[in-house]
Amino acid sequence: MTSSRKYSLAAGIFYMLTFVSIPTLSLYKSVRGPGFVTSSAPNTPVIIGVLLEMIVALTGIGTAVALYPVVKRVGQARALGLVASRTLEGATIYVGIVSMMSIVSLHQSGAGAAALGAAQGLAAQYHYTFFFAQSFFAAINGVLLGSLFYQSRLVPRWLPTLGMIGAVLLVMAWFGILGGVIKELGPAAAVATLPIAVWEFSLGVYLTFWGFKPSPVTAEM
């Protein structure tokens, strides 16, 4: 196995692992409610969700680190920017994780109604860390990596094209949600999010099973 194939395989596996947090949408349903700290709801689903998000944060950084030795040959500044963006994304995810575990701690301590305000504040903090980390940063990553792959032809060009289009749509939706023009869980936001999700998952599958296409970049390696 060549060094470029090792990098593509690692990046592909990491990309697919970033989708393991999808179940957190249901796992966090109770903890994000206003009365969780005074309820008898179990903490186990929240802890499982936290573990899944920890995997997402680390594998997200892993995608950029695995690809850096290859894509830096195309554009070192953009490749370094991708590593920085993924690292900041992971750090922001961890801020949200701390918020979730803080609510769990209040629940376990039996703080009761006195902790309702604090729990709601922590839930709001998680909401916005998710909004920034797993929405806005996905667009930045799509532009940086999409432009690198489009220029280098390391993967079929339809893939980075989809990524860059998805990034534009996601940013438009992000500002629309921020300005109250569209609903965060509405159909418009869902449609705008779909292309970037397809790009990341398809990229993960392609890199895992096919690797990089022959190019001057891989020939140098």
C-alpha atoms as a PDB file:
ATOM      1  CA  MET A   1       0.000   0.000   0.000  1.00  0.00           C
ATOM      2  CA  THR A   2       1.466   3.336  -1.089  1.00  0.00           C
ATOM      3  CA  SER A   3       1.683   6.283   1.271  1.00  0.00           C
ATOM      4  CA  SER A   4      -0.997   8.188  -0.690  1.00  0.00           C
ATOM      5  CA  ARG A   5      -3.354   5.195  -0.409  1.00  0.00           C
ATOM      6  CA  LYS A   6      -2.779   5.049   3.348  1.00  0.00           C
ATOM      7  CA  TYR A   7      -3.664   8.716   3.655  1.00  0.00           C
ATOM      8  CA  SER A   8      -6.799   8.362   1.518  1.00  0.00           C
ATOM      9  CA  LEU A   9      -7.953   5.283   3.433  1.00  0.00           C
ATOM     10  CA  ALA A  10      -7.471   6.971   6.805  1.00  0.00           C
ATOM     11  CA  ALA A  11      -9.252  10.134   5.639  1.00  0.00           C
ATOM     12  CA  GLY A  12     -12.129   8.136   4.162  1.00  0.00           C
ATOM     13  CA  ILE A  13     -12.702   6.134   7.329  1.00  0.00           C
ATOM     14  CA  PHE A  14     -12.507   9.284   9.450  1.00  0.00           C
ATOM     15  CA  TYR A  15     -15.040  11.027   7.185  1.00  0.00           C
ATOM     16  CA  MET A  16     -17.545   8.202   7.508  1.00  0.00           C
ATOM     17  CA  LEU A  17     -17.071   8.122  11.287  1.00  0.00           C
ATOM     18  CA  THR A  18     -18.082  11.791  11.488  1.00  0.00           C
ATOM     19  CA  PHE A  19     -21.645  10.642  10.795  1.00  0.00           C
ATOM     20  CA  VAL A  20     -21.927   8.582  14.002  1.00  0.00           C
ATOM     21  CA  SER A  21     -23.417  11.561  15.848  1.00  0.00           C
ATOM     22  CA  ILE A  22     -26.680  11.452  13.860  1.00  0.00           C
ATOM     23  CA  PRO A  23     -28.474   9.581  16.711  1.00  0.00           C
ATOM     24  CA  THR A  24     -27.778  12.495  19.086  1.00  0.00           C
ATOM     25  CA  LEU A  25     -30.813  14.256  17.575  1.00  0.00           C
ATOM     26  CA  SER A  26     -32.977  11.793  19.489  1.00  0.00           C
ATOM     27  CA  LEU A  27     -30.563  11.008  22.325  1.00  0.00           C
ATOM     28  CA  TYR A  28     -30.499  14.666  23.414  1.00  0.00           C
ATOM     29  CA  LYS A  29     -34.244  15.212  23.062  1.00  0.00           C
ATOM     30  CA  SER A  30     -34.949  14.940  26.801  1.00  0.00           C
ATOM     31  CA  VAL A  31     -31.907  16.841  28.067  1.00  0.00           C
ATOM     32  CA  ARG A  32     -32.670  19.838  25.854  1.00  0.00           C
ATOM     33  CA  GLY A  33     -36.152  20.094  27.324  1.00  0.00           C
ATOM     34  CA  PRO A  34     -36.856  22.735  30.003  1.00  0.00           C
ATOM     35  CA  GLY A  35     -37.674  20.283  32.788  1.00  0.00           C
ATOM     36  CA  PHE A  36     -34.923  17.679  32.489  1.00  0.00           C
ATOM     37  CA  VAL A  37     -33.157  18.502  35.776  1.00  0.00           C
ATOM     38  CA  THR A  38     -36.369  18.016  37.754  1.00  0.00           C
ATOM     39  CA  SER A  39     -37.439  14.857  35.919  1.00  0.00           C
ATOM     40  CA  SER A  40     -36.618  11.191  36.437  1.00  0.00           C
ATOM     41  CA  ALA A  41     -35.388  10.777  32.857  1.00  0.00           C
ATOM     42  CA  PRO A  42     -32.294   8.574  32.473  1.00  0.00           C
ATOM     43  CA  ASN A  43     -28.860  10.097  31.876  1.00  0.00           C
ATOM     44  CA  THR A  44     -27.579   7.173  29.786  1.00  0.00           C
ATOM     45  CA  PRO A  45     -28.830   8.459  26.379  1.00  0.00           C
ATOM     46  CA  VAL A  46     -27.130  11.797  27.005  1.00  0.00           C
ATOM     47  CA  ILE A  47     -23.830  10.145  27.931  1.00  0.00           C
ATOM     48  CA  ILE A  48     -23.991   7.959  24.798  1.00  0.00           C
ATOM     49  CA  GLY A  49     -24.613  11.086  22.726  1.00  0.00           C
ATOM     50  CA  VAL A  50     -21.618  12.787  24.337  1.00  0.00           C
ATOM     51  CA  LEU A  51     -19.372   9.825  23.498  1.00  0.00           C
ATOM     52  CA  LEU A  52     -20.565   9.906  19.886  1.00  0.00           C
ATOM     53  CA  GLU A  53     -19.849  13.621  19.623  1.00  0.00           C
ATOM     54  CA  MET A  54     -16.385  13.065  21.066  1.00  0.00           C
ATOM     55  CA  ILE A  55     -15.743  10.639  18.215  1.00  0.00           C
ATOM     56  CA  VAL A  56     -17.008  13.196  15.704  1.00  0.00           C
ATOM     57  CA  ALA A  57     -14.738  15.940  17.062  1.00  0.00           C
ATOM     58  CA  LEU A  58     -11.632  13.735  16.953  1.00  0.00           C
ATOM     59  CA  THR A  59     -12.327  12.121  13.580  1.00  0.00           C
ATOM     60  CA  GLY A  60     -13.106  15.538  12.093  1.00  0.00           C
ATOM     61  CA  ILE A  61      -9.608  16.660  13.020  1.00  0.00           C
ATOM     62  CA  GLY A  62      -8.331  13.314  11.751  1.00  0.00           C
ATOM     63  CA  THR A  63      -9.708  13.953   8.258  1.00  0.00           C
ATOM     64  CA  ALA A  64      -7.686  17.139   7.909  1.00  0.00           C
ATOM     65  CA  VAL A  65      -4.510  15.659   9.421  1.00  0.00           C
ATOM     66  CA  ALA A  66      -4.701  12.588   7.162  1.00  0.00           C
ATOM     67  CA  LEU A  67      -5.195  14.693   4.035  1.00  0.00           C
ATOM     68  CA  TYR A  68      -2.643  17.391   4.878  1.00  0.00           C
ATOM     69  CA  PRO A  69       0.483  15.559   3.560  1.00  0.00           C
ATOM     70  CA  VAL A  70      -1.258  15.198   0.193  1.00  0.00           C
ATOM     71  CA  VAL A  71      -3.201  18.426  -0.308  1.00  0.00           C
ATOM     72  CA  LYS A  72      -0.386  20.663   0.967  1.00  0.00           C
ATOM     73  CA  ARG A  73       1.312  19.902  -2.368  1.00  0.00           C
ATOM     74  CA  VAL A  74      -1.604  21.640  -4.075  1.00  0.00           C
ATOM     75  CA  GLY A  75      -1.991  24.641  -1.770  1.00  0.00           C
ATOM     76  CA  GLN A  76      -0.181  24.739   1.549  1.00  0.00           C
ATOM     77  CA  ALA A  77      -2.059  27.742   2.937  1.00  0.00           C
ATOM     78  CA  ARG A  78      -5.468  26.187   2.228  1.00  0.00           C
ATOM     79  CA  ALA A  79      -4.316  22.804   3.554  1.00  0.00           C
ATOM     80  CA  LEU A  80      -3.144  24.418   6.785  1.00  0.00           C
ATOM     81  CA  GLY A  81      -6.399  26.366   6.936  1.00  0.00           C
ATOM     82  CA  LEU A  82      -8.306  23.097   6.701  1.00  0.00           C
ATOM     83  CA  VAL A  83      -6.406  21.663   9.677  1.00  0.00           C
ATOM     84  CA  ALA A  84      -7.021  24.863  11.664  1.00  0.00           C
ATOM     85  CA  SER A  85     -10.719  24.929  10.745  1.00  0.00           C
ATOM     86  CA  ARG A  86     -11.233  21.277  11.673  1.00  0.00           C
ATOM     87  CA  THR A  87      -9.383  21.784  14.963  1.00  0.00           C
ATOM     88  CA  LEU A  88     -11.492  24.809  15.876  1.00  0.00           C
ATOM     89  CA  GLU A  89     -14.611  22.880  14.900  1.00  0.00           C
ATOM     90  CA  GLY A  90     -13.605  20.017  17.194  1.00  0.00           C
ATOM     91  CA  ALA A  91     -12.872  22.411  20.066  1.00  0.00           C
ATOM     92  CA  THR A  92     -16.301  24.033  19.662  1.00  0.00           C
ATOM     93  CA  ILE A  93     -17.967  20.609  19.682  1.00  0.00           C
ATOM     94  CA  TYR A  94     -16.220  19.906  22.988  1.00  0.00           C
ATOM     95  CA  VAL A  95     -17.653  23.123  24.443  1.00  0.00           C
ATOM     96  CA  GLY A  96     -21.095  21.747  23.615  1.00  0.00           C
ATOM     97  CA  ILE A  97     -20.182  18.406  25.179  1.00  0.00           C
ATOM     98  CA  VAL A  98     -19.231  20.179  28.418  1.00  0.00           C
ATOM     99  CA  SER A  99     -22.626  21.916  28.377  1.00  0.00           C
ATOM    100  CA  MET A 100     -24.445  18.580  28.065  1.00  0.00           C
ATOM    101  CA  MET A 101     -22.433  16.953  30.854  1.00  0.00           C
ATOM    102  CA  SER A 102     -22.995  19.984  33.091  1.00  0.00           C
ATOM    103  CA  ILE A 103     -26.759  19.508  32.736  1.00  0.00           C
ATOM    104  CA  VAL A 104     -26.329  15.814  33.560  1.00  0.00           C
ATOM    105  CA  SER A 105     -24.359  16.769  36.682  1.00  0.00           C
ATOM    106  CA  LEU A 106     -27.162  19.090  37.816  1.00  0.00           C
ATOM    107  CA  HIS A 107     -29.643  16.280  37.226  1.00  0.00           C
ATOM    108  CA  GLN A 108     -27.587  13.748  39.171  1.00  0.00           C
ATOM    109  CA  SER A 109     -27.038  16.132  42.083  1.00  0.00           C
ATOM    110  CA  GLY A 110     -30.769  16.541  42.600  1.00  0.00           C
ATOM    111  CA  ALA A 111     -30.546  20.311  42.320  1.00  0.00           C
ATOM    112  CA  GLY A 112     -34.225  20.410  41.383  1.00  0.00           C
ATOM    113  CA  ALA A 113     -36.167  23.518  40.398  1.00  0.00           C
ATOM    114  CA  ALA A 114     -33.368  25.816  41.582  1.00  0.00           C
ATOM    115  CA  ALA A 115     -31.235  24.602  38.664  1.00  0.00           C
ATOM    116  CA  LEU A 116     -33.855  25.094  35.941  1.00  0.00           C
ATOM    117  CA  GLY A 117     -32.444  28.439  34.826  1.00  0.00           C
ATOM    118  CA  ALA A 118     -28.875  27.160  34.724  1.00  0.00           C
ATOM    119  CA  ALA A 119     -29.913  24.053  32.788  1.00  0.00           C
ATOM    120  CA  GLN A 120     -31.805  26.088  30.206  1.00  0.00           C
ATOM    121  CA  GLY A 121     -28.794  28.370  29.782  1.00  0.00           C
ATOM    122  CA  LEU A 122     -26.503  25.383  29.245  1.00  0.00           C
ATOM    123  CA  ALA A 123     -28.961  23.895  26.735  1.00  0.00           C
ATOM    124  CA  ALA A 124     -28.963  27.206  24.839  1.00  0.00           C
ATOM    125  CA  GLN A 125     -25.168  27.216  24.877  1.00  0.00           C
ATOM    126  CA  TYR A 126     -25.136  23.713  23.394  1.00  0.00           C
ATOM    127  CA  HIS A 127     -27.597  24.823  20.718  1.00  0.00           C
ATOM    128  CA  TYR A 128     -25.294  27.587  19.523  1.00  0.00           C
ATOM    129  CA  THR A 129     -22.108  25.559  19.731  1.00  0.00           C
ATOM    130  CA  PHE A 130     -23.805  22.996  17.472  1.00  0.00           C
ATOM    131  CA  PHE A 131     -25.041  25.801  15.210  1.00  0.00           C
ATOM    132  CA  PHE A 132     -21.515  27.119  14.749  1.00  0.00           C
ATOM    133  CA  ALA A 133     -19.422  23.937  14.930  1.00  0.00           C
ATOM    134  CA  GLN A 134     -21.424  21.492  12.859  1.00  0.00           C
ATOM    135  CA  SER A 135     -23.007  23.955  10.466  1.00  0.00           C
ATOM    136  CA  PHE A 136     -20.856  27.010   9.762  1.00  0.00           C
ATOM    137  CA  PHE A 137     -17.512  25.201   9.922  1.00  0.00           C
ATOM    138  CA  ALA A 138     -18.820  22.530   7.539  1.00  0.00           C
ATOM    139  CA  ALA A 139     -19.152  25.252   4.906  1.00  0.00           C
ATOM    140  CA  ILE A 140     -15.616  26.533   5.505  1.00  0.00           C
ATOM    141  CA  ASN A 141     -14.245  23.003   5.246  1.00  0.00           C
ATOM    142  CA  GLY A 142     -16.212  22.434   2.051  1.00  0.00           C
ATOM    143  CA  VAL A 143     -14.714  25.492   0.365  1.00  0.00           C
ATOM    144  CA  LEU A 144     -11.130  24.774   1.455  1.00  0.00           C
ATOM    145  CA  LEU A 145     -11.049  21.058   0.662  1.00  0.00           C
ATOM    146  CA  GLY A 146     -13.351  21.372  -2.332  1.00  0.00           C
ATOM    147  CA  SER A 147     -11.057  23.898  -4.007  1.00  0.00           C
ATOM    148  CA  LEU A 148      -7.989  21.748  -3.273  1.00  0.00           C
ATOM    149  CA  PHE A 149      -9.568  18.622  -4.727  1.00  0.00           C
ATOM    150  CA  TYR A 150     -11.031  20.459  -7.722  1.00  0.00           C
ATOM    151  CA  GLN A 151      -7.647  21.905  -8.606  1.00  0.00           C
ATOM    152  CA  SER A 152      -5.688  18.688  -8.072  1.00  0.00           C
ATOM    153  CA  ARG A 153      -8.219  16.247  -9.651  1.00  0.00           C
ATOM    154  CA  LEU A 154      -7.403  13.747  -6.883  1.00  0.00           C
ATOM    155  CA  VAL A 155     -11.084  12.757  -6.885  1.00  0.00           C
ATOM    156  CA  PRO A 156     -13.785  13.038  -9.600  1.00  0.00           C
ATOM    157  CA  ARG A 157     -14.555  16.704 -10.110  1.00  0.00           C
ATOM    158  CA  TRP A 158     -18.263  16.307  -9.417  1.00  0.00           C
ATOM    159  CA  LEU A 159     -17.406  15.616  -5.776  1.00  0.00           C
ATOM    160  CA  PRO A 160     -15.642  18.906  -4.942  1.00  0.00           C
ATOM    161  CA  THR A 161     -18.139  20.776  -7.131  1.00  0.00           C
ATOM    162  CA  LEU A 162     -20.946  19.390  -4.985  1.00  0.00           C
ATOM    163  CA  GLY A 163     -18.990  20.342  -1.865  1.00  0.00           C
ATOM    164  CA  MET A 164     -18.489  23.950  -2.915  1.00  0.00           C
ATOM    165  CA  ILE A 165     -22.100  24.366  -4.037  1.00  0.00           C
ATOM    166  CA  GLY A 166     -23.219  22.818  -0.767  1.00  0.00           C
ATOM    167  CA  ALA A 167     -21.003  25.242   1.153  1.00  0.00           C
ATOM    168  CA  VAL A 168     -22.611  28.250  -0.526  1.00  0.00           C
ATOM    169  CA  LEU A 169     -26.126  26.941   0.157  1.00  0.00           C
ATOM    170  CA  LEU A 170     -25.231  26.166   3.767  1.00  0.00           C
ATOM    171  CA  VAL A 171     -23.845  29.644   4.412  1.00  0.00           C
ATOM    172  CA  MET A 172     -26.962  31.214   2.884  1.00  0.00           C
ATOM    173  CA  ALA A 173     -29.174  29.041   5.093  1.00  0.00           C
ATOM    174  CA  TRP A 174     -26.981  29.753   8.128  1.00  0.00           C
ATOM    175  CA  PHE A 175     -27.382  33.508   7.784  1.00  0.00           C
ATOM    176  CA  GLY A 176     -31.068  33.027   7.015  1.00  0.00           C
ATOM    177  CA  ILE A 177     -31.536  31.130  10.282  1.00  0.00           C
ATOM    178  CA  LEU A 178     -29.441  33.657  12.195  1.00  0.00           C
ATOM    179  CA  GLY A 179     -31.561  36.491  10.832  1.00  0.00           C
ATOM    180  CA  GLY A 180     -34.829  34.674  11.484  1.00  0.00           C
ATOM    181  CA  VAL A 181     -35.731  34.489   7.791  1.00  0.00           C
ATOM    182  CA  ILE A 182     -36.001  30.684   7.732  1.00  0.00           C
ATOM    183  CA  LYS A 183     -36.605  28.119  10.470  1.00  0.00           C
ATOM    184  CA  GLU A 184     -33.686  26.056  11.713  1.00  0.00           C
ATOM    185  CA  LEU A 185     -35.651  22.808  11.442  1.00  0.00           C
ATOM    186  CA  GLY A 186     -37.714  23.884   8.436  1.00  0.00           C
ATOM    187  CA  PRO A 187     -37.701  22.385   4.919  1.00  0.00           C
ATOM    188  CA  ALA A 188     -35.553  25.195   3.461  1.00  0.00           C
ATOM    189  CA  ALA A 189     -32.770  24.552   5.985  1.00  0.00           C
ATOM    190  CA  ALA A 190     -32.981  20.797   5.383  1.00  0.00           C
ATOM    191  CA  VAL A 191     -32.649  21.208   1.608  1.00  0.00           C
ATOM    192  CA  ALA A 192     -29.694  23.581   2.027  1.00  0.00           C
ATOM    193  CA  THR A 193     -27.924  21.144   4.354  1.00  0.00           C
ATOM    194  CA  LEU A 194     -28.354  18.053   2.168  1.00  0.00           C
ATOM    195  CA  PRO A 195     -25.660  18.757  -0.517  1.00  0.00           C
ATOM    196  CA  ILE A 196     -22.845  19.286   2.016  1.00  0.00           C
ATOM    197  CA  ALA A 197     -23.850  16.108   3.861  1.00  0.00           C
ATOM    198  CA  VAL A 198     -23.885  14.113   0.608  1.00  0.00           C
ATOM    199  CA  TRP A 199     -20.487  15.579  -0.315  1.00  0.00           C
ATOM    200  CA  GLU A 200     -18.843  14.556   2.950  1.00  0.00           C
ATOM    201  CA  PHE A 201     -20.330  11.063   3.035  1.00  0.00           C
ATOM    202  CA  SER A 202     -19.633  10.419  -0.675  1.00  0.00           C
ATOM    203  CA  LEU A 203     -16.080  11.662  -0.231  1.00  0.00           C
ATOM    204  CA  GLY A 204     -15.608   9.288   2.691  1.00  0.00           C
ATOM    205  CA  VAL A 205     -16.869   6.340   0.650  1.00  0.00           C
ATOM    206  CA  TYR A 206     -14.755   7.256  -2.379  1.00  0.00           C
ATOM    207  CA  LEU A 207     -11.538   7.733  -0.436  1.00  0.00           C
ATOM    208  CA  THR A 208     -12.092   4.509   1.520  1.00  0.00           C
ATOM    209  CA  PHE A 209     -12.783   2.216  -1.420  1.00  0.00           C
ATOM    210  CA  TRP A 210     -11.052   3.883  -4.387  1.00  0.00           C
ATOM    211  CA  GLY A 211      -8.462   6.297  -3.013  1.00  0.00           C
ATOM    212  CA  PHE A 212      -6.921   9.151  -4.938  1.00  0.00           C
ATOM    213  CA  LYS A 213      -7.001   9.237  -8.718  1.00  0.00           C
ATOM    214  CA  PRO A 214      -3.570   9.118 -10.434  1.00  0.00           C
ATOM    215  CA  SER A 215      -2.225  12.655 -10.687  1.00  0.00           C
ATOM    216  CA  PRO A 216       1.046  14.587 -10.566  1.00  0.00           C
ATOM    217  CA  VAL A 217       0.467  14.979  -6.794  1.00  0.00           C
ATOM    218  CA  THR A 218       0.388  11.231  -6.129  1.00  0.00           C
ATOM    219  CA  ALA A 219       3.227  10.655  -8.607  1.00  0.00           C
ATOM    220  CA  GLU A 220       5.467  12.965  -6.567  1.00  0.00           C
ATOM    221  CA  MET A 221       4.726  10.930  -3.464  1.00  0.00           C
END
